[in-house]
Amino acid sequence: MNNGEAEEKASYWVTKPRTSEHEIGLAVDIVSINYQTLDEKQENTAVQKWLIEHCTDYGFVLRYPTAKKDITKINYEPWHYRYVGIENAKLMKEKDICLEEYLKRD
């Protein structure tokens, strides 16, 4: 594997320095107090089930949905939420689109 391939694979889990949505204050990681592991089982907790259903009411979206991995280039993270504003969040949910798709829409 060459450096470019290694960087691409790593980028599915770790962002480059100074590019994290957390650093710019637009993203939060929310996990259940009863399940602290950052893995896909997080989606089965009552906390995540509620958040996935209601996050748009507060202007947040699940940032890296599993079905959009080929578009976001980041692996599914059921704990990672991004603030986009209530109107944008509701539109994204209604159209079942991720942020990358939303930004490219006509």
N, C-alpha and C. Protein backbone atom coordinates (compact mmCIF):
# COMPACT_ATOMS: atom_id res chain seq x y z
N MET A 1 0.85 -1.17 0.00
CA MET A 1 0.00 0.00 0.00
C MET A 1 0.90 1.24 0.00
N ASN A 2 0.60 2.19 -0.88
CA ASN A 2 1.40 3.41 -0.92
C ASN A 2 0.82 4.45 0.05
N ASN A 3 1.54 5.56 0.21
CA ASN A 3 1.11 6.60 1.16
C ASN A 3 -0.27 7.15 0.84
N GLY A 4 -0.55 7.36 -0.43
CA GLY A 4 -1.85 7.89 -0.84
C GLY A 4 -2.99 6.96 -0.45
N GLU A 5 -2.80 5.67 -0.68
CA GLU A 5 -3.82 4.68 -0.31
C GLU A 5 -4.00 4.63 1.20
N ALA A 6 -2.90 4.68 1.92
CA ALA A 6 -2.96 4.65 3.39
C ALA A 6 -3.69 5.88 3.93
N GLU A 7 -3.40 7.04 3.37
CA GLU A 7 -4.07 8.26 3.81
C GLU A 7 -5.57 8.20 3.52
N GLU A 8 -5.93 7.67 2.36
CA GLU A 8 -7.34 7.57 2.01
C GLU A 8 -8.08 6.64 2.98
N LYS A 9 -7.49 5.49 3.29
CA LYS A 9 -8.12 4.55 4.23
C LYS A 9 -8.25 5.17 5.62
N ALA A 10 -7.21 5.84 6.07
CA ALA A 10 -7.24 6.47 7.39
C ALA A 10 -8.28 7.58 7.46
N SER A 11 -8.49 8.28 6.34
CA SER A 11 -9.42 9.41 6.34
C SER A 11 -10.87 8.99 6.58
N TYR A 12 -11.16 7.71 6.43
CA TYR A 12 -12.52 7.24 6.72
C TYR A 12 -12.79 7.23 8.23
N TRP A 13 -11.76 7.32 9.05
CA TRP A 13 -11.92 7.30 10.50
C TRP A 13 -11.38 8.53 11.20
N VAL A 14 -10.37 9.18 10.61
CA VAL A 14 -9.72 10.30 11.28
C VAL A 14 -9.57 11.45 10.28
N THR A 15 -10.02 12.64 10.67
CA THR A 15 -9.85 13.78 9.78
C THR A 15 -8.45 14.36 9.90
N LYS A 16 -8.05 15.06 8.88
CA LYS A 16 -6.74 15.71 8.90
C LYS A 16 -6.77 16.83 9.94
N PRO A 17 -5.62 17.13 10.53
CA PRO A 17 -5.57 18.22 11.52
C PRO A 17 -6.17 19.51 10.95
N ARG A 18 -6.89 20.21 11.81
CA ARG A 18 -7.53 21.49 11.51
C ARG A 18 -8.67 21.38 10.50
N THR A 19 -9.22 20.18 10.28
CA THR A 19 -10.36 20.04 9.38
C THR A 19 -11.58 19.44 10.08
N SER A 20 -11.48 19.16 11.35
CA SER A 20 -12.57 18.53 12.09
C SER A 20 -13.74 19.49 12.30
N GLU A 21 -14.94 18.99 12.11
CA GLU A 21 -16.13 19.79 12.39
C GLU A 21 -16.23 20.12 13.88
N HIS A 22 -15.60 19.32 14.70
CA HIS A 22 -15.58 19.60 16.14
C HIS A 22 -14.77 20.87 16.42
N GLU A 23 -13.66 21.01 15.73
CA GLU A 23 -12.79 22.16 15.95
C GLU A 23 -13.45 23.48 15.58
N ILE A 24 -14.35 23.46 14.61
CA ILE A 24 -15.00 24.70 14.22
C ILE A 24 -16.32 24.91 14.96
N GLY A 25 -16.64 24.00 15.88
CA GLY A 25 -17.79 24.19 16.76
C GLY A 25 -19.13 23.80 16.18
N LEU A 26 -19.15 23.02 15.10
CA LEU A 26 -20.42 22.65 14.48
C LEU A 26 -20.84 21.22 14.73
N ALA A 27 -20.00 20.42 15.38
CA ALA A 27 -20.31 19.01 15.58
C ALA A 27 -20.12 18.61 17.03
N VAL A 28 -20.91 17.62 17.43
CA VAL A 28 -20.80 17.03 18.77
C VAL A 28 -20.92 15.52 18.65
N ASP A 29 -20.26 14.83 19.54
CA ASP A 29 -20.43 13.38 19.66
C ASP A 29 -21.28 13.15 20.89
N ILE A 30 -22.37 12.41 20.72
CA ILE A 30 -23.28 12.13 21.81
C ILE A 30 -23.41 10.63 21.95
N VAL A 31 -23.12 10.13 23.14
CA VAL A 31 -23.24 8.69 23.40
C VAL A 31 -24.09 8.47 24.63
N SER A 32 -24.64 7.29 24.71
CA SER A 32 -25.42 6.90 25.87
C SER A 32 -24.52 6.71 27.08
N ILE A 33 -24.96 7.17 28.23
CA ILE A 33 -24.19 6.96 29.46
C ILE A 33 -24.09 5.46 29.77
N ASN A 34 -25.03 4.68 29.24
CA ASN A 34 -25.06 3.24 29.49
C ASN A 34 -24.22 2.45 28.49
N TYR A 35 -23.75 3.12 27.43
CA TYR A 35 -22.92 2.44 26.44
C TYR A 35 -21.94 3.46 25.89
N GLN A 36 -20.70 3.40 26.33
CA GLN A 36 -19.71 4.41 26.03
C GLN A 36 -18.79 4.08 24.86
N THR A 37 -18.96 2.95 24.24
CA THR A 37 -18.09 2.54 23.14
C THR A 37 -18.53 3.21 21.84
N LEU A 38 -17.56 3.75 21.10
CA LEU A 38 -17.87 4.37 19.81
C LEU A 38 -17.83 3.31 18.72
N ASP A 39 -18.95 2.64 18.56
CA ASP A 39 -19.09 1.66 17.50
C ASP A 39 -20.53 1.66 17.02
N GLU A 40 -20.81 0.84 16.02
CA GLU A 40 -22.15 0.84 15.42
C GLU A 40 -23.25 0.40 16.37
N LYS A 41 -22.92 -0.31 17.45
CA LYS A 41 -23.93 -0.72 18.42
C LYS A 41 -24.54 0.48 19.13
N GLN A 42 -23.86 1.62 19.06
CA GLN A 42 -24.35 2.85 19.64
C GLN A 42 -25.76 3.16 19.12
N GLU A 43 -26.02 2.82 17.84
CA GLU A 43 -27.33 3.12 17.25
C GLU A 43 -28.48 2.36 17.90
N ASN A 44 -28.16 1.32 18.65
CA ASN A 44 -29.20 0.52 19.30
C ASN A 44 -29.59 1.04 20.68
N THR A 45 -28.89 2.06 21.16
CA THR A 45 -29.22 2.60 22.48
C THR A 45 -30.46 3.48 22.36
N ALA A 46 -31.18 3.60 23.46
CA ALA A 46 -32.37 4.45 23.49
C ALA A 46 -32.01 5.90 23.16
N VAL A 47 -30.85 6.34 23.63
CA VAL A 47 -30.40 7.71 23.36
C VAL A 47 -30.27 7.94 21.87
N GLN A 48 -29.58 7.06 21.16
CA GLN A 48 -29.38 7.25 19.73
C GLN A 48 -30.69 7.11 18.95
N LYS A 49 -31.52 6.19 19.35
CA LYS A 49 -32.80 6.04 18.65
C LYS A 49 -33.60 7.33 18.74
N TRP A 50 -33.60 7.94 19.93
CA TRP A 50 -34.32 9.19 20.11
C TRP A 50 -33.66 10.30 19.29
N LEU A 51 -32.34 10.39 19.37
CA LEU A 51 -31.62 11.44 18.64
C LEU A 51 -31.82 11.34 17.13
N ILE A 52 -31.72 10.16 16.60
CA ILE A 52 -31.89 9.97 15.15
C ILE A 52 -33.28 10.44 14.72
N GLU A 53 -34.27 10.20 15.56
CA GLU A 53 -35.64 10.60 15.25
C GLU A 53 -35.87 12.10 15.44
N HIS A 54 -35.25 12.72 16.44
CA HIS A 54 -35.58 14.10 16.82
C HIS A 54 -34.49 15.13 16.62
N CYS A 55 -33.29 14.75 16.20
CA CYS A 55 -32.19 15.73 16.10
C CYS A 55 -32.53 16.89 15.18
N THR A 56 -33.29 16.64 14.13
CA THR A 56 -33.62 17.72 13.20
C THR A 56 -34.50 18.79 13.84
N ASP A 57 -35.25 18.43 14.87
CA ASP A 57 -36.09 19.41 15.57
C ASP A 57 -35.24 20.49 16.23
N TYR A 58 -33.97 20.20 16.43
CA TYR A 58 -33.04 21.12 17.09
C TYR A 58 -31.95 21.62 16.14
N GLY A 59 -32.08 21.29 14.86
CA GLY A 59 -31.15 21.80 13.86
C GLY A 59 -29.93 20.92 13.62
N PHE A 60 -29.96 19.69 14.09
CA PHE A 60 -28.83 18.78 13.92
C PHE A 60 -29.18 17.66 12.94
N VAL A 61 -28.15 17.11 12.32
CA VAL A 61 -28.31 15.92 11.46
C VAL A 61 -27.26 14.89 11.87
N LEU A 62 -27.61 13.64 11.67
CA LEU A 62 -26.63 12.57 11.82
C LEU A 62 -25.66 12.76 10.67
N ARG A 63 -24.44 13.12 10.99
CA ARG A 63 -23.50 13.60 9.98
C ARG A 63 -23.01 12.53 9.01
N TYR A 64 -22.77 11.33 9.50
CA TYR A 64 -22.18 10.30 8.64
C TYR A 64 -23.05 9.05 8.62
N PRO A 65 -24.22 9.11 7.96
CA PRO A 65 -25.08 7.93 7.90
C PRO A 65 -24.44 6.80 7.09
N THR A 66 -24.73 5.59 7.48
CA THR A 66 -24.10 4.44 6.84
C THR A 66 -24.38 4.37 5.34
N ALA A 67 -25.57 4.73 4.93
CA ALA A 67 -25.94 4.64 3.51
C ALA A 67 -25.25 5.70 2.65
N LYS A 68 -24.59 6.66 3.28
CA LYS A 68 -23.97 7.76 2.54
C LYS A 68 -22.44 7.73 2.61
N LYS A 69 -21.88 6.62 3.06
CA LYS A 69 -20.44 6.50 3.23
C LYS A 69 -19.66 6.77 1.94
N ASP A 70 -20.19 6.36 0.81
CA ASP A 70 -19.50 6.59 -0.46
C ASP A 70 -19.49 8.07 -0.83
N ILE A 71 -20.42 8.83 -0.29
CA ILE A 71 -20.49 10.26 -0.58
C ILE A 71 -19.69 11.07 0.44
N THR A 72 -19.85 10.75 1.73
CA THR A 72 -19.17 11.52 2.78
C THR A 72 -17.69 11.16 2.89
N LYS A 73 -17.36 9.96 2.47
CA LYS A 73 -15.99 9.42 2.58
C LYS A 73 -15.56 9.23 4.04
N ILE A 74 -16.55 9.10 4.92
CA ILE A 74 -16.31 8.84 6.34
C ILE A 74 -17.19 7.67 6.74
N ASN A 75 -16.64 6.76 7.52
CA ASN A 75 -17.42 5.62 7.99
C ASN A 75 -18.57 6.07 8.88
N TYR A 76 -19.57 5.23 8.94
CA TYR A 76 -20.76 5.47 9.75
C TYR A 76 -20.38 5.74 11.20
N GLU A 77 -20.89 6.85 11.72
CA GLU A 77 -20.68 7.23 13.11
C GLU A 77 -22.02 7.62 13.72
N PRO A 78 -22.72 6.67 14.34
CA PRO A 78 -24.06 6.98 14.85
C PRO A 78 -24.07 7.90 16.07
N TRP A 79 -22.94 8.42 16.46
CA TRP A 79 -22.83 9.32 17.60
C TRP A 79 -22.48 10.74 17.17
N HIS A 80 -22.19 10.96 15.90
CA HIS A 80 -21.66 12.24 15.42
C HIS A 80 -22.77 13.07 14.78
N TYR A 81 -23.06 14.21 15.41
CA TYR A 81 -24.13 15.09 14.93
C TYR A 81 -23.56 16.44 14.55
N ARG A 82 -24.10 17.02 13.48
CA ARG A 82 -23.63 18.31 12.97
C ARG A 82 -24.80 19.29 13.00
N TYR A 83 -24.51 20.49 13.46
CA TYR A 83 -25.52 21.54 13.45
C TYR A 83 -25.58 22.17 12.06
N VAL A 84 -26.79 22.22 11.49
CA VAL A 84 -26.99 22.86 10.18
C VAL A 84 -28.16 23.84 10.22
N GLY A 85 -28.83 23.97 11.34
CA GLY A 85 -30.01 24.82 11.45
C GLY A 85 -31.27 24.00 11.24
N ILE A 86 -32.35 24.40 11.88
CA ILE A 86 -33.59 23.61 11.86
C ILE A 86 -34.13 23.45 10.44
N GLU A 87 -34.24 24.54 9.70
CA GLU A 87 -34.80 24.46 8.35
C GLU A 87 -33.98 23.53 7.45
N ASN A 88 -32.66 23.67 7.49
CA ASN A 88 -31.79 22.82 6.67
C ASN A 88 -31.88 21.36 7.11
N ALA A 89 -31.88 21.13 8.43
CA ALA A 89 -31.92 19.77 8.95
C ALA A 89 -33.21 19.07 8.53
N LYS A 90 -34.32 19.77 8.63
CA LYS A 90 -35.60 19.15 8.26
C LYS A 90 -35.65 18.86 6.76
N LEU A 91 -35.12 19.75 5.95
CA LEU A 91 -35.09 19.51 4.50
C LEU A 91 -34.20 18.32 4.17
N MET A 92 -33.04 18.23 4.82
CA MET A 92 -32.14 17.10 4.58
C MET A 92 -32.80 15.78 4.97
N LYS A 93 -33.51 15.78 6.09
CA LYS A 93 -34.21 14.56 6.53
C LYS A 93 -35.32 14.20 5.53
N GLU A 94 -36.10 15.19 5.14
CA GLU A 94 -37.20 14.97 4.21
C GLU A 94 -36.72 14.38 2.88
N LYS A 95 -35.59 14.88 2.39
CA LYS A 95 -35.05 14.42 1.11
C LYS A 95 -34.09 13.25 1.25
N ASP A 96 -33.81 12.85 2.50
CA ASP A 96 -32.87 11.76 2.79
C ASP A 96 -31.53 12.00 2.12
N ILE A 97 -30.98 13.19 2.39
CA ILE A 97 -29.68 13.54 1.81
C ILE A 97 -28.70 13.91 2.92
N CYS A 98 -27.42 13.71 2.64
CA CYS A 98 -26.38 14.09 3.59
C CYS A 98 -25.92 15.51 3.26
N LEU A 99 -25.04 16.05 4.08
CA LEU A 99 -24.60 17.43 3.91
C LEU A 99 -23.95 17.65 2.54
N GLU A 100 -23.13 16.74 2.10
CA GLU A 100 -22.48 16.88 0.79
C GLU A 100 -23.52 16.99 -0.32
N GLU A 101 -24.57 16.18 -0.26
CA GLU A 101 -25.62 16.24 -1.27
C GLU A 101 -26.41 17.54 -1.16
N TYR A 102 -26.65 17.96 0.06
CA TYR A 102 -27.39 19.21 0.30
C TYR A 102 -26.63 20.41 -0.29
N LEU A 103 -25.34 20.44 -0.09
CA LEU A 103 -24.55 21.56 -0.59
C LEU A 103 -24.44 21.59 -2.11
N LYS A 104 -24.62 20.44 -2.76
CA LYS A 104 -24.53 20.36 -4.23
C LYS A 104 -25.88 20.48 -4.92
N ARG A 105 -26.95 20.58 -4.16
CA ARG A 105 -28.29 20.60 -4.78
C ARG A 105 -28.49 21.86 -5.58
N ASP A 106 -29.45 21.79 -6.50
CA ASP A 106 -29.78 22.96 -7.35
C ASP A 106 -30.69 23.91 -6.62
